[in-house]
């Protein structure tokens, strides 16, 4: 049996860099059974990849949106089912 997981690729835009957004996202990730990464993009957005069970990933994305809503202007979410790619949740550069 393969390790197939639900995954979300999320792009947050707004005032999301230089405000502790990645660190806060990492803290939220600790509350959910998710793995993945969060990183700043050159265009000023923040990218989040989260993998796990569907309800955990969706709950995590919703909690990031709720917790950091004052910084977020727009959120784009794409989901898929794929092979597991991560072991933990990290901030990448």
PDB file of N, CA and C in Angstrom:
ATOM      1  N   UNK A   1       0.845  -1.197   0.000  1.00  0.00           N
ATOM      2  CA  UNK A   1       0.000   0.000   0.000  1.00  0.00           C
ATOM      3  C   UNK A   1       0.882   1.248   0.000  1.00  0.00           C
ATOM      4  N   UNK A   2       0.520   2.218  -0.820  1.00  0.00           N
ATOM      5  CA  UNK A   2       1.335   3.424  -0.940  1.00  0.00           C
ATOM      6  C   UNK A   2       0.915   4.464   0.099  1.00  0.00           C
ATOM      7  N   UNK A   3       1.828   5.369   0.394  1.00  0.00           N
ATOM      8  CA  UNK A   3       1.541   6.467   1.321  1.00  0.00           C
ATOM      9  C   UNK A   3       0.944   7.628   0.546  1.00  0.00           C
ATOM     10  N   UNK A   4      -0.325   7.525   0.197  1.00  0.00           N
ATOM     11  CA  UNK A   4      -0.999   8.594  -0.521  1.00  0.00           C
ATOM     12  C   UNK A   4      -1.603   9.553   0.496  1.00  0.00           C
ATOM     13  N   UNK A   5      -1.389  10.833   0.260  1.00  0.00           N
ATOM     14  CA  UNK A   5      -1.863  11.857   1.188  1.00  0.00           C
ATOM     15  C   UNK A   5      -2.646  12.925   0.444  1.00  0.00           C
ATOM     16  N   UNK A   6      -3.457  13.667   1.179  1.00  0.00           N
ATOM     17  CA  UNK A   6      -4.134  14.846   0.655  1.00  0.00           C
ATOM     18  C   UNK A   6      -3.148  16.001   0.797  1.00  0.00           C
ATOM     19  N   UNK A   7      -3.076  16.852  -0.205  1.00  0.00           N
ATOM     20  CA  UNK A   7      -2.116  17.957  -0.165  1.00  0.00           C
ATOM     21  C   UNK A   7      -2.768  19.253  -0.624  1.00  0.00           C
ATOM     22  N   UNK A   8      -2.312  20.356  -0.048  1.00  0.00           N
ATOM     23  CA  UNK A   8      -2.764  21.684  -0.458  1.00  0.00           C
ATOM     24  C   UNK A   8      -1.548  22.554  -0.742  1.00  0.00           C
ATOM     25  N   UNK A   9      -1.585  23.220  -1.891  1.00  0.00           N
ATOM     26  CA  UNK A   9      -0.615  24.264  -2.227  1.00  0.00           C
ATOM     27  C   UNK A   9      -1.350  25.580  -2.048  1.00  0.00           C
ATOM     28  N   UNK A  10      -0.847  26.419  -1.146  1.00  0.00           N
ATOM     29  CA  UNK A  10      -1.543  27.654  -0.801  1.00  0.00           C
ATOM     30  C   UNK A  10      -0.617  28.845  -1.039  1.00  0.00           C
ATOM     31  N   UNK A  11      -1.149  29.856  -1.714  1.00  0.00           N
ATOM     32  CA  UNK A  11      -0.426  31.112  -1.911  1.00  0.00           C
ATOM     33  C   UNK A  11      -1.200  32.207  -1.188  1.00  0.00           C
ATOM     34  N   UNK A  12      -0.528  32.838  -0.219  1.00  0.00           N
ATOM     35  CA  UNK A  12      -1.123  33.956   0.514  1.00  0.00           C
ATOM     36  C   UNK A  12      -0.510  35.249  -0.015  1.00  0.00           C
ATOM     37  N   UNK A  13      -1.364  36.234  -0.292  1.00  0.00           N
ATOM     38  CA  UNK A  13      -0.848  37.543  -0.678  1.00  0.00           C
ATOM     39  C   UNK A  13      -1.431  38.606   0.242  1.00  0.00           C
ATOM     40  N   UNK A  14      -0.787  39.758   0.240  1.00  0.00           N
ATOM     41  CA  UNK A  14      -1.151  40.842   1.141  1.00  0.00           C
ATOM     42  C   UNK A  14       0.114  41.325   1.830  1.00  0.00           C
ATOM     43  N   UNK A  15       0.008  41.710   3.084  1.00  0.00           N
ATOM     44  CA  UNK A  15       1.181  42.135   3.868  1.00  0.00           C
ATOM     45  C   UNK A  15       1.662  40.910   4.643  1.00  0.00           C
ATOM     46  N   UNK A  16       2.254  39.953   3.910  1.00  0.00           N
ATOM     47  CA  UNK A  16       2.551  38.639   4.488  1.00  0.00           C
ATOM     48  C   UNK A  16       4.042  38.360   4.674  1.00  0.00           C
ATOM     49  N   UNK A  17       4.898  39.291   4.270  1.00  0.00           N
ATOM     50  CA  UNK A  17       6.330  39.101   4.492  1.00  0.00           C
ATOM     51  C   UNK A  17       6.837  40.157   5.476  1.00  0.00           C
ATOM     52  N   UNK A  18       7.777  39.732   6.328  1.00  0.00           N
ATOM     53  CA  UNK A  18       8.361  40.654   7.295  1.00  0.00           C
ATOM     54  C   UNK A  18       7.482  40.903   8.507  1.00  0.00           C
ATOM     55  N   UNK A  19       6.492  40.039   8.731  1.00  0.00           N
ATOM     56  CA  UNK A  19       5.559  40.218   9.848  1.00  0.00           C
ATOM     57  C   UNK A  19       5.460  38.961  10.728  1.00  0.00           C
ATOM     58  N   UNK A  20       6.395  38.011  10.549  1.00  0.00           N
ATOM     59  CA  UNK A  20       6.354  36.777  11.329  1.00  0.00           C
ATOM     60  C   UNK A  20       5.373  35.753  10.789  1.00  0.00           C
ATOM     61  N   UNK A  21       4.954  35.916   9.540  1.00  0.00           N
ATOM     62  CA  UNK A  21       3.938  35.044   8.940  1.00  0.00           C
ATOM     63  C   UNK A  21       4.399  33.592   8.889  1.00  0.00           C
ATOM     64  N   UNK A  22       5.648  33.372   8.449  1.00  0.00           N
ATOM     65  CA  UNK A  22       6.146  31.989   8.344  1.00  0.00           C
ATOM     66  C   UNK A  22       6.242  31.337   9.720  1.00  0.00           C
ATOM     67  N   UNK A  23       6.766  32.063  10.689  1.00  0.00           N
ATOM     68  CA  UNK A  23       6.880  31.510  12.043  1.00  0.00           C
ATOM     69  C   UNK A  23       5.502  31.192  12.616  1.00  0.00           C
ATOM     70  N   UNK A  24       4.548  32.099  12.435  1.00  0.00           N
ATOM     71  CA  UNK A  24       3.189  31.866  12.937  1.00  0.00           C
ATOM     72  C   UNK A  24       2.558  30.656  12.258  1.00  0.00           C
ATOM     73  N   UNK A  25       2.805  30.504  10.955  1.00  0.00           N
ATOM     74  CA  UNK A  25       2.292  29.343  10.225  1.00  0.00           C
ATOM     75  C   UNK A  25       2.890  28.051  10.780  1.00  0.00           C
ATOM     76  N   UNK A  26       4.182  28.081  11.085  1.00  0.00           N
ATOM     77  CA  UNK A  26       4.844  26.922  11.691  1.00  0.00           C
ATOM     78  C   UNK A  26       4.204  26.576  13.037  1.00  0.00           C
ATOM     79  N   UNK A  27       3.888  27.584  13.832  1.00  0.00           N
ATOM     80  CA  UNK A  27       3.252  27.347  15.135  1.00  0.00           C
ATOM     81  C   UNK A  27       1.869  26.722  14.953  1.00  0.00           C
ATOM     82  N   UNK A  28       1.091  27.201  13.976  1.00  0.00           N
ATOM     83  CA  UNK A  28      -0.233  26.633  13.700  1.00  0.00           C
ATOM     84  C   UNK A  28      -0.091  25.182  13.260  1.00  0.00           C
ATOM     85  N   UNK A  29       0.922  24.903  12.447  1.00  0.00           N
ATOM     86  CA  UNK A  29       1.130  23.527  11.939  1.00  0.00           C
ATOM     87  C   UNK A  29       1.319  22.530  13.072  1.00  0.00           C
ATOM     88  N   UNK A  30       1.881  22.981  14.196  1.00  0.00           N
ATOM     89  CA  UNK A  30       2.104  22.087  15.342  1.00  0.00           C
ATOM     90  C   UNK A  30       0.794  21.608  15.962  1.00  0.00           C
ATOM     91  N   UNK A  31      -0.312  22.306  15.684  1.00  0.00           N
ATOM     92  CA  UNK A  31      -1.625  21.940  16.231  1.00  0.00           C
ATOM     93  C   UNK A  31      -2.352  20.910  15.364  1.00  0.00           C
ATOM     94  N   UNK A  32      -1.783  20.606  14.192  1.00  0.00           N
ATOM     95  CA  UNK A  32      -2.440  19.706  13.245  1.00  0.00           C
ATOM     96  C   UNK A  32      -1.480  18.601  12.819  1.00  0.00           C
ATOM     97  N   UNK A  33      -2.030  17.490  12.370  1.00  0.00           N
ATOM     98  CA  UNK A  33      -1.215  16.377  11.878  1.00  0.00           C
ATOM     99  C   UNK A  33      -0.898  16.630  10.403  1.00  0.00           C
ATOM    100  N   UNK A  34      -0.058  17.633  10.159  1.00  0.00           N
ATOM    101  CA  UNK A  34       0.339  17.974   8.797  1.00  0.00           C
ATOM    102  C   UNK A  34       1.858  18.055   8.696  1.00  0.00           C
ATOM    103  N   UNK A  35       2.357  17.844   7.498  1.00  0.00           N
ATOM    104  CA  UNK A  35       3.778  18.033   7.180  1.00  0.00           C
ATOM    105  C   UNK A  35       3.836  18.934   5.957  1.00  0.00           C
ATOM    106  N   UNK A  36       4.985  19.559   5.745  1.00  0.00           N
ATOM    107  CA  UNK A  36       5.127  20.412   4.577  1.00  0.00           C
ATOM    108  C   UNK A  36       6.113  21.527   4.820  1.00  0.00           C
ATOM    109  N   UNK A  37       5.860  22.669   4.185  1.00  0.00           N
ATOM    110  CA  UNK A  37       6.784  23.797   4.279  1.00  0.00           C
ATOM    111  C   UNK A  37       6.054  25.110   4.098  1.00  0.00           C
ATOM    112  N   UNK A  38       6.703  26.171   4.546  1.00  0.00           N
ATOM    113  CA  UNK A  38       6.232  27.532   4.320  1.00  0.00           C
ATOM    114  C   UNK A  38       7.444  28.355   3.909  1.00  0.00           C
ATOM    115  N   UNK A  39       7.275  29.185   2.868  1.00  0.00           N
ATOM    116  CA  UNK A  39       8.402  30.011   2.424  1.00  0.00           C
ATOM    117  C   UNK A  39       7.923  31.289   1.763  1.00  0.00           C
ATOM    118  N   UNK A  40       8.779  32.309   1.837  1.00  0.00           N
ATOM    119  CA  UNK A  40       8.524  33.562   1.139  1.00  0.00           C
ATOM    120  C   UNK A  40       8.848  33.377  -0.337  1.00  0.00           C
ATOM    121  N   UNK A  41       8.078  34.019  -1.195  1.00  0.00           N
ATOM    122  CA  UNK A  41       8.349  34.007  -2.626  1.00  0.00           C
ATOM    123  C   UNK A  41       8.861  35.373  -3.054  1.00  0.00           C
ATOM    124  N   UNK A  42       9.613  35.404  -4.147  1.00  0.00           N
ATOM    125  CA  UNK A  42      10.213  36.646  -4.641  1.00  0.00           C
ATOM    126  C   UNK A  42       9.163  37.692  -5.004  1.00  0.00           C
ATOM    127  N   UNK A  43       7.944  37.252  -5.343  1.00  0.00           N
ATOM    128  CA  UNK A  43       6.895  38.199  -5.746  1.00  0.00           C
ATOM    129  C   UNK A  43       6.126  38.797  -4.565  1.00  0.00           C
ATOM    130  N   UNK A  44       6.571  38.492  -3.336  1.00  0.00           N
ATOM    131  CA  UNK A  44       5.944  39.082  -2.155  1.00  0.00           C
ATOM    132  C   UNK A  44       4.890  38.208  -1.499  1.00  0.00           C
ATOM    133  N   UNK A  45       4.551  37.081  -2.119  1.00  0.00           N
ATOM    134  CA  UNK A  45       3.585  36.159  -1.520  1.00  0.00           C
ATOM    135  C   UNK A  45       4.297  35.171  -0.601  1.00  0.00           C
ATOM    136  N   UNK A  46       3.488  34.440   0.180  1.00  0.00           N
ATOM    137  CA  UNK A  46       4.001  33.335   0.988  1.00  0.00           C
ATOM    138  C   UNK A  46       3.366  32.055   0.457  1.00  0.00           C
ATOM    139  N   UNK A  47       4.203  31.040   0.266  1.00  0.00           N
ATOM    140  CA  UNK A  47       3.758  29.737  -0.234  1.00  0.00           C
ATOM    141  C   UNK A  47       3.739  28.734   0.911  1.00  0.00           C
ATOM    142  N   UNK A  48       2.647  27.975   1.002  1.00  0.00           N
ATOM    143  CA  UNK A  48       2.538  26.908   1.994  1.00  0.00           C
ATOM    144  C   UNK A  48       2.170  25.618   1.271  1.00  0.00           C
ATOM    145  N   UNK A  49       2.904  24.554   1.573  1.00  0.00           N
ATOM    146  CA  UNK A  49       2.554  23.208   1.112  1.00  0.00           C
ATOM    147  C   UNK A  49       2.237  22.411   2.373  1.00  0.00           C
ATOM    148  N   UNK A  50       1.052  21.823   2.410  1.00  0.00           N
ATOM    149  CA  UNK A  50       0.656  21.012   3.561  1.00  0.00           C
ATOM    150  C   UNK A  50       0.147  19.668   3.063  1.00  0.00           C
ATOM    151  N   UNK A  51       0.587  18.602   3.727  1.00  0.00           N
ATOM    152  CA  UNK A  51       0.173  17.248   3.386  1.00  0.00           C
ATOM    153  C   UNK A  51      -0.295  16.527   4.635  1.00  0.00           C
ATOM    154  N   UNK A  52      -1.266  15.639   4.466  1.00  0.00           N
ATOM    155  CA  UNK A  52      -1.776  14.846   5.577  1.00  0.00           C
ATOM    156  C   UNK A  52      -3.166  14.335   5.244  1.00  0.00           C
ATOM    157  N   UNK A  53      -3.941  14.004   6.273  1.00  0.00           N
ATOM    158  CA  UNK A  53      -5.327  13.625   6.045  1.00  0.00           C
ATOM    159  C   UNK A  53      -6.106  14.877   5.656  1.00  0.00           C
ATOM    160  N   UNK A  54      -7.102  14.699   4.808  1.00  0.00           N
ATOM    161  CA  UNK A  54      -7.854  15.843   4.280  1.00  0.00           C
ATOM    162  C   UNK A  54      -8.364  16.781   5.364  1.00  0.00           C
ATOM    163  N   UNK A  55      -8.983  16.242   6.413  1.00  0.00           N
ATOM    164  CA  UNK A  55      -9.556  17.119   7.442  1.00  0.00           C
ATOM    165  C   UNK A  55      -8.472  17.887   8.199  1.00  0.00           C
ATOM    166  N   UNK A  56      -7.301  17.272   8.361  1.00  0.00           N
ATOM    167  CA  UNK A  56      -6.188  17.961   9.039  1.00  0.00           C
ATOM    168  C   UNK A  56      -5.636  19.089   8.167  1.00  0.00           C
ATOM    169  N   UNK A  57      -5.437  18.799   6.883  1.00  0.00           N
ATOM    170  CA  UNK A  57      -4.903  19.817   5.969  1.00  0.00           C
ATOM    171  C   UNK A  57      -5.884  20.981   5.841  1.00  0.00           C
ATOM    172  N   UNK A  58      -7.160  20.670   5.635  1.00  0.00           N
ATOM    173  CA  UNK A  58      -8.165  21.736   5.495  1.00  0.00           C
ATOM    174  C   UNK A  58      -8.295  22.544   6.781  1.00  0.00           C
ATOM    175  N   UNK A  59      -8.262  21.880   7.919  1.00  0.00           N
ATOM    176  CA  UNK A  59      -8.328  22.580   9.200  1.00  0.00           C
ATOM    177  C   UNK A  59      -7.130  23.486   9.412  1.00  0.00           C
ATOM    178  N   UNK A  60      -5.953  22.996   9.028  1.00  0.00           N
ATOM    179  CA  UNK A  60      -4.726  23.783   9.148  1.00  0.00           C
ATOM    180  C   UNK A  60      -4.801  25.048   8.288  1.00  0.00           C
ATOM    181  N   UNK A  61      -5.204  24.897   7.021  1.00  0.00           N
ATOM    182  CA  UNK A  61      -5.293  26.051   6.127  1.00  0.00           C
ATOM    183  C   UNK A  61      -6.303  27.069   6.666  1.00  0.00           C
ATOM    184  N   UNK A  62      -7.451  26.580   7.131  1.00  0.00           N
ATOM    185  CA  UNK A  62      -8.464  27.478   7.701  1.00  0.00           C
ATOM    186  C   UNK A  62      -7.936  28.210   8.933  1.00  0.00           C
ATOM    187  N   UNK A  63      -7.175  27.512   9.776  1.00  0.00           N
ATOM    188  CA  UNK A  63      -6.645  28.141  10.985  1.00  0.00           C
ATOM    189  C   UNK A  63      -5.575  29.179  10.654  1.00  0.00           C
ATOM    190  N   UNK A  64      -4.734  28.905   9.655  1.00  0.00           N
ATOM    191  CA  UNK A  64      -3.750  29.915   9.222  1.00  0.00           C
ATOM    192  C   UNK A  64      -4.497  31.156   8.721  1.00  0.00           C
ATOM    193  N   UNK A  65      -5.541  30.942   7.923  1.00  0.00           N
ATOM    194  CA  UNK A  65      -6.316  32.075   7.414  1.00  0.00           C
ATOM    195  C   UNK A  65      -6.960  32.866   8.555  1.00  0.00           C
ATOM    196  N   UNK A  66      -7.479  32.159   9.554  1.00  0.00           N
ATOM    197  CA  UNK A  66      -8.141  32.831  10.672  1.00  0.00           C
ATOM    198  C   UNK A  66      -7.121  33.580  11.535  1.00  0.00           C
ATOM    199  N   UNK A  67      -6.036  32.910  11.872  1.00  0.00           N
ATOM    200  CA  UNK A  67      -5.024  33.484  12.761  1.00  0.00           C
ATOM    201  C   UNK A  67      -4.338  34.701  12.134  1.00  0.00           C
ATOM    202  N   UNK A  68      -4.073  34.642  10.831  1.00  0.00           N
ATOM    203  CA  UNK A  68      -3.282  35.678  10.169  1.00  0.00           C
ATOM    204  C   UNK A  68      -4.114  36.541   9.222  1.00  0.00           C
ATOM    205  N   UNK A  69      -5.433  36.532   9.406  1.00  0.00           N
ATOM    206  CA  UNK A  69      -6.331  37.225   8.469  1.00  0.00           C
ATOM    207  C   UNK A  69      -6.037  38.712   8.319  1.00  0.00           C
ATOM    208  N   UNK A  70      -5.505  39.351   9.361  1.00  0.00           N
ATOM    209  CA  UNK A  70      -5.246  40.790   9.258  1.00  0.00           C
ATOM    210  C   UNK A  70      -4.120  41.103   8.267  1.00  0.00           C
ATOM    211  N   UNK A  71      -3.307  40.103   7.905  1.00  0.00           N
ATOM    212  CA  UNK A  71      -2.206  40.304   6.959  1.00  0.00           C
ATOM    213  C   UNK A  71      -2.558  39.838   5.544  1.00  0.00           C
ATOM    214  N   UNK A  72      -3.588  38.999   5.431  1.00  0.00           N
ATOM    215  CA  UNK A  72      -3.896  38.337   4.156  1.00  0.00           C
ATOM    216  C   UNK A  72      -4.923  39.133   3.365  1.00  0.00           C
ATOM    217  N   UNK A  73      -4.577  39.418   2.109  1.00  0.00           N
ATOM    218  CA  UNK A  73      -5.524  40.048   1.198  1.00  0.00           C
ATOM    219  C   UNK A  73      -6.217  38.978   0.348  1.00  0.00           C
ATOM    220  N   UNK A  74      -5.447  37.976  -0.098  1.00  0.00           N
ATOM    221  CA  UNK A  74      -6.003  36.947  -0.976  1.00  0.00           C
ATOM    222  C   UNK A  74      -5.338  35.612  -0.688  1.00  0.00           C
ATOM    223  N   UNK A  75      -6.115  34.545  -0.865  1.00  0.00           N
ATOM    224  CA  UNK A  75      -5.612  33.186  -0.674  1.00  0.00           C
ATOM    225  C   UNK A  75      -5.994  32.353  -1.881  1.00  0.00           C
ATOM    226  N   UNK A  76      -5.003  31.684  -2.474  1.00  0.00           N
ATOM    227  CA  UNK A  76      -5.261  30.745  -3.565  1.00  0.00           C
ATOM    228  C   UNK A  76      -4.905  29.352  -3.059  1.00  0.00           C
ATOM    229  N   UNK A  77      -5.837  28.414  -3.205  1.00  0.00           N
ATOM    230  CA  UNK A  77      -5.603  27.046  -2.731  1.00  0.00           C
ATOM    231  C   UNK A  77      -5.818  26.068  -3.878  1.00  0.00           C
ATOM    232  N   UNK A  78      -4.841  25.188  -4.085  1.00  0.00           N
ATOM    233  CA  UNK A  78      -4.989  24.083  -5.028  1.00  0.00           C
ATOM    234  C   UNK A  78      -4.743  22.808  -4.248  1.00  0.00           C
ATOM    235  N   UNK A  79      -5.587  21.810  -4.434  1.00  0.00           N
ATOM    236  CA  UNK A  79      -5.434  20.560  -3.701  1.00  0.00           C
ATOM    237  C   UNK A  79      -5.236  19.393  -4.663  1.00  0.00           C
ATOM    238  N   UNK A  80      -4.642  18.343  -4.131  1.00  0.00           N
ATOM    239  CA  UNK A  80      -4.409  17.128  -4.897  1.00  0.00           C
ATOM    240  C   UNK A  80      -4.193  15.962  -3.944  1.00  0.00           C
ATOM    241  N   UNK A  81      -4.196  14.783  -4.497  1.00  0.00           N
ATOM    242  CA  UNK A  81      -3.794  13.586  -3.757  1.00  0.00           C
ATOM    243  C   UNK A  81      -2.480  13.142  -4.383  1.00  0.00           C
ATOM    244  N   UNK A  82      -1.491  12.853  -3.537  1.00  0.00           N
ATOM    245  CA  UNK A  82      -0.157  12.539  -4.062  1.00  0.00           C
ATOM    246  C   UNK A  82       0.589  11.626  -3.097  1.00  0.00           C
ATOM    247  N   UNK A  83       1.785  11.266  -3.462  1.00  0.00           N
ATOM    248  CA  UNK A  83       2.673  10.526  -2.570  1.00  0.00           C
ATOM    249  C   UNK A  83       3.199  11.500  -1.513  1.00  0.00           C
ATOM    250  N   UNK A  84       3.407  11.011  -0.312  1.00  0.00           N
ATOM    251  CA  UNK A  84       3.948  11.850   0.760  1.00  0.00           C
ATOM    252  C   UNK A  84       5.357  12.313   0.394  1.00  0.00           C
ATOM    253  N   UNK A  85       5.629  13.597   0.584  1.00  0.00           N
ATOM    254  CA  UNK A  85       6.924  14.176   0.221  1.00  0.00           C
ATOM    255  C   UNK A  85       7.717  14.731   1.401  1.00  0.00           C
ATOM    256  N   UNK A  86       7.083  14.869   2.556  1.00  0.00           N
ATOM    257  CA  UNK A  86       7.723  15.545   3.695  1.00  0.00           C
ATOM    258  C   UNK A  86       7.700  14.655   4.932  1.00  0.00           C
ATOM    259  N   UNK A  87       8.617  14.945   5.853  1.00  0.00           N
ATOM    260  CA  UNK A  87       8.648  14.239   7.138  1.00  0.00           C
ATOM    261  C   UNK A  87       8.186  15.140   8.277  1.00  0.00           C
ATOM    262  N   UNK A  88       8.334  16.432   8.130  1.00  0.00           N
ATOM    263  CA  UNK A  88       7.932  17.383   9.163  1.00  0.00           C
ATOM    264  C   UNK A  88       7.431  18.652   8.512  1.00  0.00           C
ATOM    265  N   UNK A  89       7.202  19.684   9.323  1.00  0.00           N
ATOM    266  CA  UNK A  89       6.785  20.972   8.772  1.00  0.00           C
ATOM    267  C   UNK A  89       7.904  21.966   9.041  1.00  0.00           C
ATOM    268  N   UNK A  90       8.399  22.623   7.990  1.00  0.00           N
ATOM    269  CA  UNK A  90       9.568  23.486   8.132  1.00  0.00           C
ATOM    270  C   UNK A  90       9.380  24.826   7.410  1.00  0.00           C
ATOM    271  N   UNK A  91      10.177  25.796   7.855  1.00  0.00           N
ATOM    272  CA  UNK A  91      10.309  27.063   7.145  1.00  0.00           C
ATOM    273  C   UNK A  91      11.469  26.880   6.185  1.00  0.00           C
ATOM    274  N   UNK A  92      11.245  27.137   4.897  1.00  0.00           N
ATOM    275  CA  UNK A  92      12.334  27.047   3.911  1.00  0.00           C
ATOM    276  C   UNK A  92      12.548  28.423   3.308  1.00  0.00           C
ATOM    277  N   UNK A  93      13.711  28.604   2.718  1.00  0.00           N
ATOM    278  CA  UNK A  93      14.059  29.914   2.147  1.00  0.00           C
ATOM    279  C   UNK A  93      13.991  29.872   0.632  1.00  0.00           C
TER     280      UNK A  93
END
